[in-house]
Amino acid sequence: MYIRHFGLRELPFGLTPDTSFFFACSSYQEALNTLLVSARNGEGFIKITGEVGNGKTLLCRKFLSTLNQGRQSGNPIGTQDQATDVPSVQRFITAYIPNPYLEPRSLLLALAEEFRVTLEKDVDQHMMLKGLTRALLDCARNGQRALVCLDEAQAMPLESLEVLRLLTNLETEKRKLLQVVLFGQPELDERLRHNSIRQLRQRISFQYDLQGLSKDELERYLRHRLVVAGFSGETLFSKNAVGKLHRITGGTPRLVNIVAHKAMMLVFSEGRHQVLSRHIRDAAADTPEVRRDWLPLTLALSGVTAIVLFGIAWMALQ
């Protein structure tokens, strides 16, 4: 690979949602702030939507790590801090379900496993719900907050969404016993319009639509990931390369990473040390999901128009 060639410690544009590469652009930071504020206020349902490749999974992982920064999550619900032998006040007990395409029983089993709730073998759905309810009440008594994040929530069956709503019905005089964060593609909004889950839709107190990177943010995004990966040079991507990269990807982080990685491979194969516009063009040719770059066509049409107008003016003067 090109790691040694560019003086890097690791690949800067991988597709794995690594929180060490998290870049706080305006959209990401606003979404993260929305999540943190609503979670700490004890809201029931929170919804984050975004197009494919806009970084929802990375945001979810960053949110969970920030929420319990300095403390480990995942202890059994209702347990106490071993170091102090007293309840951990306002501590979040978190669960993450990456694939919520689960029918109600499987969803309850997944939640019980994530929260380390012990259930008897072959227990029915009613007893599972009862067991989780008891565990959530123990959590509240110990000053803990239970929160679950569901990624790709647009794939969740309506019946399973209703089970989640039933769990969030539980509350103390001050707050909900379980908070739910739904991360999904725009299709999640269409799913939530279904009449059978209108009660859940009304309980979404905070929501945010995650956007892609602007052109200015893209330049800083590229520099940020390179620095995290160990790059110590000045400029690796030329200004024209950044502009072309933004036009063909629309600022979608996943597409940016794919094209940037391929472009760096091309630069490495030539023995050069700067990504130019032509490297982005050649990398894009092998990436089906990118957009067509409209700028060259616009410039060409402008040139033709100028020539035609000049010709008309010259003929009029003759």
Protein backbone atom coordinates (compact mmCIF):
# COMPACT_ATOMS: atom_id res chain seq x y z
CA MET A 1 0.00 0.00 0.00
CA TYR A 2 1.00 3.68 0.07
CA ILE A 3 1.36 4.12 3.85
CA ARG A 4 5.17 4.39 3.85
CA HIS A 5 5.21 6.45 0.66
CA PHE A 6 3.17 9.26 2.28
CA GLY A 7 4.65 8.85 5.76
CA LEU A 8 1.47 7.50 7.37
CA ARG A 9 0.85 5.18 10.32
CA GLU A 10 -2.43 3.80 8.95
CA LEU A 11 -4.81 4.19 6.05
CA PRO A 12 -6.57 7.58 6.37
CA PHE A 13 -9.69 6.83 4.34
CA GLY A 14 -10.95 3.50 5.57
CA LEU A 15 -14.68 2.70 5.57
CA THR A 16 -14.80 1.34 9.13
CA PRO A 17 -16.57 3.86 11.44
CA ASP A 18 -13.53 4.57 13.65
CA THR A 19 -14.29 7.29 16.24
CA SER A 20 -10.64 8.40 16.32
CA PHE A 21 -11.27 9.85 12.83
CA PHE A 22 -14.46 11.65 13.86
CA PHE A 23 -14.55 15.09 12.22
CA ALA A 24 -16.78 17.66 13.91
CA CYS A 25 -18.18 19.47 10.88
CA SER A 26 -21.20 21.70 11.49
CA SER A 27 -23.78 18.99 10.75
CA TYR A 28 -22.02 16.31 12.80
CA GLN A 29 -21.45 18.61 15.78
CA GLU A 30 -25.04 19.85 15.78
CA ALA A 31 -26.32 16.28 15.62
CA LEU A 32 -23.99 15.19 18.44
CA ASN A 33 -25.05 18.14 20.59
CA THR A 34 -28.71 17.30 19.93
CA LEU A 35 -28.12 13.72 21.03
CA LEU A 36 -26.20 14.62 24.19
CA VAL A 37 -28.63 17.31 25.33
CA SER A 38 -31.74 15.21 24.72
CA ALA A 39 -30.21 12.12 26.35
CA ARG A 40 -29.20 14.02 29.47
CA ASN A 41 -32.64 15.61 29.64
CA GLY A 42 -34.18 12.14 29.80
CA GLU A 43 -36.24 12.34 26.59
CA GLY A 44 -37.99 9.18 25.38
CA PHE A 45 -37.40 8.94 21.61
CA ILE A 46 -34.70 10.68 19.56
CA LYS A 47 -34.40 10.33 15.78
CA ILE A 48 -31.38 10.89 13.53
CA THR A 49 -31.82 10.48 9.78
CA GLY A 50 -29.36 10.82 6.93
CA GLU A 51 -28.68 9.57 3.43
CA VAL A 52 -26.61 6.45 2.81
CA GLY A 53 -22.94 7.10 3.54
CA ASN A 54 -23.44 10.29 5.58
CA GLY A 55 -21.85 8.80 8.70
CA LYS A 56 -24.78 7.78 10.92
CA THR A 57 -22.99 4.75 12.37
CA LEU A 58 -19.86 6.77 13.14
CA LEU A 59 -22.01 9.43 14.82
CA CYS A 60 -23.78 6.75 16.84
CA ARG A 61 -20.48 5.31 18.10
CA LYS A 62 -19.14 8.76 18.88
CA PHE A 63 -22.31 9.57 20.81
CA LEU A 64 -22.08 6.40 22.90
CA SER A 65 -18.39 6.91 23.66
CA THR A 66 -18.97 10.57 24.60
CA LEU A 67 -21.98 9.76 26.75
CA ASN A 68 -19.96 7.48 28.98
CA GLN A 69 -16.57 9.13 28.50
CA GLY A 70 -14.19 8.05 31.17
CA ARG A 71 -16.53 5.29 32.33
CA GLN A 72 -17.34 1.90 30.85
CA SER A 73 -20.87 1.11 29.80
CA GLY A 74 -22.43 -2.31 29.57
CA ASN A 75 -22.49 -3.31 33.24
CA PRO A 76 -25.61 -5.25 34.17
CA ILE A 77 -28.60 -3.01 34.79
CA GLY A 78 -29.12 -2.34 38.47
CA THR A 79 -25.53 -3.07 39.54
CA GLN A 80 -23.54 -0.72 41.71
CA ASP A 81 -20.07 0.77 41.36
CA GLN A 82 -17.67 -1.78 42.80
CA ALA A 83 -15.09 0.87 43.62
CA THR A 84 -17.40 2.87 45.88
CA ASP A 85 -20.10 0.26 46.62
CA VAL A 86 -22.74 2.95 46.05
CA PRO A 87 -25.10 3.53 43.13
CA SER A 88 -23.45 5.31 40.18
CA VAL A 89 -25.48 8.53 39.98
CA GLN A 90 -26.64 9.58 36.48
CA ARG A 91 -24.58 6.87 34.88
CA PHE A 92 -25.80 5.73 31.45
CA ILE A 93 -26.21 2.02 30.81
CA THR A 94 -26.16 1.79 27.02
CA ALA A 95 -27.04 -0.80 24.41
CA TYR A 96 -26.30 -0.81 20.69
CA ILE A 97 -28.25 -2.88 18.17
CA PRO A 98 -26.68 -2.58 14.69
CA ASN A 99 -29.31 -4.66 12.87
CA PRO A 100 -32.85 -4.05 14.19
CA TYR A 101 -34.53 -6.17 11.52
CA LEU A 102 -35.92 -8.29 14.34
CA GLU A 103 -39.41 -9.45 15.18
CA PRO A 104 -40.64 -8.43 18.67
CA ARG A 105 -39.43 -11.51 20.55
CA SER A 106 -35.96 -11.37 18.98
CA LEU A 107 -35.76 -7.65 19.74
CA LEU A 108 -36.59 -8.22 23.42
CA LEU A 109 -33.98 -11.00 23.59
CA ALA A 110 -31.39 -8.69 21.99
CA LEU A 111 -32.19 -5.93 24.50
CA ALA A 112 -31.99 -8.36 27.41
CA GLU A 113 -28.61 -9.59 26.14
CA GLU A 114 -27.27 -6.05 25.65
CA PHE A 115 -28.41 -4.97 29.11
CA ARG A 116 -27.30 -8.32 30.60
CA VAL A 117 -30.71 -9.13 31.97
CA THR A 118 -31.04 -12.78 32.98
CA LEU A 119 -34.11 -14.50 31.54
CA GLU A 120 -35.32 -18.06 32.00
CA LYS A 121 -35.02 -20.45 29.11
CA ASP A 122 -37.99 -20.60 26.70
CA VAL A 123 -39.61 -17.59 28.38
CA ASP A 124 -42.54 -16.09 26.48
CA GLN A 125 -42.75 -12.49 25.22
CA HIS A 126 -44.88 -11.32 28.14
CA MET A 127 -42.33 -12.54 30.70
CA MET A 128 -39.46 -11.06 28.71
CA LEU A 129 -41.19 -7.70 28.75
CA LYS A 130 -41.82 -8.10 32.47
CA GLY A 131 -38.19 -9.02 33.14
CA LEU A 132 -36.90 -6.00 31.22
CA THR A 133 -39.38 -3.76 33.04
CA ARG A 134 -38.15 -4.99 36.42
CA ALA A 135 -34.54 -4.42 35.37
CA LEU A 136 -35.28 -0.88 34.18
CA LEU A 137 -36.94 -0.07 37.50
CA ASP A 138 -33.84 -1.35 39.35
CA CYS A 139 -31.74 0.83 37.07
CA ALA A 140 -33.74 3.93 38.02
CA ARG A 141 -33.49 3.16 41.73
CA ASN A 142 -29.71 3.04 41.42
CA GLY A 143 -29.61 6.45 39.75
CA GLN A 144 -28.78 4.96 36.35
CA ARG A 145 -30.25 5.75 32.95
CA ALA A 146 -30.87 3.09 30.32
CA LEU A 147 -30.45 4.07 26.67
CA VAL A 148 -30.54 1.99 23.49
CA CYS A 149 -29.32 3.01 20.02
CA LEU A 150 -30.76 1.24 16.99
CA ASP A 151 -28.87 1.60 13.72
CA GLU A 152 -30.55 1.12 10.32
CA ALA A 153 -33.90 1.64 12.05
CA GLN A 154 -35.73 2.05 8.72
CA ALA A 155 -35.60 -1.76 8.44
CA MET A 156 -37.35 -2.32 11.77
CA PRO A 157 -40.75 -4.09 11.62
CA LEU A 158 -43.70 -1.99 12.78
CA GLU A 159 -44.57 -4.55 15.46
CA SER A 160 -41.06 -4.22 16.95
CA LEU A 161 -41.32 -0.44 16.97
CA GLU A 162 -44.55 -0.82 18.93
CA VAL A 163 -42.76 -3.04 21.48
CA LEU A 164 -40.19 -0.29 21.95
CA ARG A 165 -42.96 2.21 22.53
CA LEU A 166 -44.44 -0.03 25.22
CA LEU A 167 -41.08 -0.16 26.98
CA THR A 168 -40.82 3.62 26.92
CA ASN A 169 -44.25 3.87 28.53
CA LEU A 170 -42.49 3.13 31.82
CA GLU A 171 -41.50 6.23 33.71
CA THR A 172 -40.90 7.66 37.13
CA GLU A 173 -42.32 10.99 38.26
CA LYS A 174 -39.26 12.68 36.75
CA ARG A 175 -38.28 10.82 33.58
CA LYS A 176 -38.56 7.83 31.27
CA LEU A 177 -36.99 4.53 32.32
CA LEU A 178 -35.69 3.83 28.80
CA GLN A 179 -34.49 6.23 26.15
CA VAL A 180 -34.40 5.15 22.50
CA VAL A 181 -32.31 6.67 19.72
CA LEU A 182 -33.28 5.72 16.16
CA PHE A 183 -30.63 6.09 13.44
CA GLY A 184 -31.93 5.53 9.94
CA GLN A 185 -32.08 6.48 6.29
CA PRO A 186 -34.80 8.93 5.08
CA GLU A 187 -37.08 5.92 4.57
CA LEU A 188 -37.42 5.84 8.38
CA ASP A 189 -39.61 8.97 8.17
CA GLU A 190 -41.92 7.21 5.72
CA ARG A 191 -42.14 4.22 8.04
CA LEU A 192 -43.00 6.39 11.01
CA ARG A 193 -45.92 7.94 9.09
CA HIS A 194 -47.75 4.61 9.35
CA ASN A 195 -50.99 5.10 11.25
CA SER A 196 -50.42 2.08 13.50
CA ILE A 197 -47.41 3.70 15.20
CA ARG A 198 -48.65 7.28 15.37
CA GLN A 199 -48.26 7.18 19.18
CA LEU A 200 -44.54 6.52 18.80
CA ARG A 201 -44.23 9.30 16.21
CA GLN A 202 -45.71 11.79 18.68
CA ARG A 203 -43.12 10.82 21.30
CA ILE A 204 -40.11 11.78 19.20
CA SER A 205 -39.04 14.89 21.06
CA PHE A 206 -35.74 15.59 19.26
CA GLN A 207 -34.69 14.86 15.70
CA TYR A 208 -31.93 15.84 13.30
CA ASP A 209 -31.25 15.28 9.59
CA LEU A 210 -27.55 14.60 9.00
CA GLN A 211 -26.11 16.36 5.95
CA GLY A 212 -22.94 15.86 3.91
CA LEU A 213 -19.79 18.00 3.96
CA SER A 214 -19.65 21.45 2.40
CA LYS A 215 -16.74 22.25 0.09
CA ASP A 216 -14.86 24.16 2.80
CA GLU A 217 -15.50 21.38 5.30
CA LEU A 218 -14.31 18.77 2.81
CA GLU A 219 -10.85 20.33 2.61
CA ARG A 220 -10.58 20.32 6.43
CA TYR A 221 -12.04 16.80 6.57
CA LEU A 222 -9.32 15.47 4.25
CA ARG A 223 -6.59 17.23 6.23
CA HIS A 224 -8.02 15.99 9.54
CA ARG A 225 -8.06 12.34 8.53
CA LEU A 226 -4.57 12.57 7.07
CA VAL A 227 -3.19 14.10 10.27
CA VAL A 228 -4.87 11.45 12.43
CA ALA A 229 -3.28 8.82 10.17
CA GLY A 230 0.16 10.36 10.73
CA PHE A 231 0.63 12.69 7.74
CA SER A 232 3.03 15.54 8.53
CA GLY A 233 3.24 17.29 5.17
CA GLU A 234 1.53 20.51 4.12
CA THR A 235 -0.95 19.80 1.32
CA LEU A 236 -1.68 16.43 -0.20
CA PHE A 237 -4.88 17.26 -2.12
CA SER A 238 -4.66 20.20 -4.51
CA LYS A 239 -7.39 22.84 -4.48
CA ASN A 240 -8.73 21.67 -7.85
CA ALA A 241 -8.74 18.07 -6.63
CA VAL A 242 -10.80 19.03 -3.58
CA GLY A 243 -13.29 20.94 -5.75
CA LYS A 244 -13.70 18.03 -8.14
CA LEU A 245 -14.00 15.56 -5.25
CA HIS A 246 -16.83 17.59 -3.75
CA ARG A 247 -18.69 17.94 -7.06
CA ILE A 248 -18.70 14.21 -7.77
CA THR A 249 -19.45 13.02 -4.19
CA GLY A 250 -21.75 15.81 -2.98
CA GLY A 251 -19.77 15.75 0.27
CA THR A 252 -20.95 12.24 1.22
CA PRO A 253 -18.20 10.98 3.57
CA ARG A 254 -18.28 7.35 2.45
CA LEU A 255 -17.91 8.28 -1.23
CA VAL A 256 -15.21 10.81 -0.33
CA ASN A 257 -13.25 8.09 1.45
CA ILE A 258 -13.58 5.62 -1.42
CA VAL A 259 -12.48 8.08 -4.12
CA ALA A 260 -9.72 9.66 -1.97
CA HIS A 261 -8.26 6.22 -1.22
CA LYS A 262 -8.23 5.25 -4.92
CA ALA A 263 -6.73 8.62 -5.90
CA MET A 264 -3.89 8.17 -3.40
CA MET A 265 -3.20 4.73 -4.86
CA LEU A 266 -2.91 6.32 -8.31
CA VAL A 267 -0.54 9.00 -6.99
CA PHE A 268 1.56 6.33 -5.30
CA SER A 269 1.74 4.28 -8.52
CA GLU A 270 3.18 7.36 -10.29
CA GLY A 271 5.70 8.02 -7.54
CA ARG A 272 4.22 11.47 -6.89
CA HIS A 273 3.22 13.17 -3.62
CA GLN A 274 0.17 15.27 -4.47
CA VAL A 275 -3.35 14.33 -5.54
CA LEU A 276 -4.40 16.32 -8.61
CA SER A 277 -7.77 16.75 -10.30
CA ARG A 278 -6.96 14.09 -12.88
CA HIS A 279 -6.32 11.53 -10.13
CA ILE A 280 -9.79 12.24 -8.72
CA ARG A 281 -11.24 11.92 -12.23
CA ASP A 282 -9.58 8.54 -12.82
CA ALA A 283 -10.56 7.27 -9.36
CA ALA A 284 -14.17 8.34 -9.95
CA ALA A 285 -14.28 6.40 -13.23
CA ASP A 286 -14.06 3.21 -11.15
CA THR A 287 -16.69 4.32 -8.61
CA PRO A 288 -20.26 3.83 -9.91
CA GLU A 289 -22.06 5.79 -7.19
CA VAL A 290 -20.37 9.15 -7.80
CA ARG A 291 -22.05 11.96 -9.70
CA ARG A 292 -20.99 13.29 -13.06
CA ASP A 293 -18.75 16.35 -12.82
CA TRP A 294 -20.76 19.18 -14.35
CA LEU A 295 -17.97 21.80 -14.35
CA PRO A 296 -16.03 20.69 -17.48
CA LEU A 297 -19.27 20.50 -19.47
CA THR A 298 -20.34 23.93 -18.19
CA LEU A 299 -16.99 25.45 -19.13
CA ALA A 300 -17.12 23.82 -22.56
CA LEU A 301 -20.64 25.12 -23.19
CA SER A 302 -19.60 28.58 -22.00
CA GLY A 303 -16.69 28.52 -24.46
CA VAL A 304 -18.92 27.47 -27.35
CA THR A 305 -21.46 30.16 -26.42
CA ALA A 306 -18.73 32.80 -26.32
CA ILE A 307 -17.45 31.76 -29.76
CA VAL A 308 -20.97 31.85 -31.25
CA LEU A 309 -21.67 35.29 -29.76
CA PHE A 310 -18.32 36.57 -31.01
CA GLY A 311 -19.11 35.25 -34.49
CA ILE A 312 -22.53 36.91 -34.51
CA ALA A 313 -21.04 40.22 -33.37
CA TRP A 314 -18.28 40.06 -35.99
CA MET A 315 -20.80 39.37 -38.77
CA ALA A 316 -22.97 42.23 -37.60
CA LEU A 317 -20.01 44.61 -37.82
CA GLN A 318 -19.14 43.62 -41.39
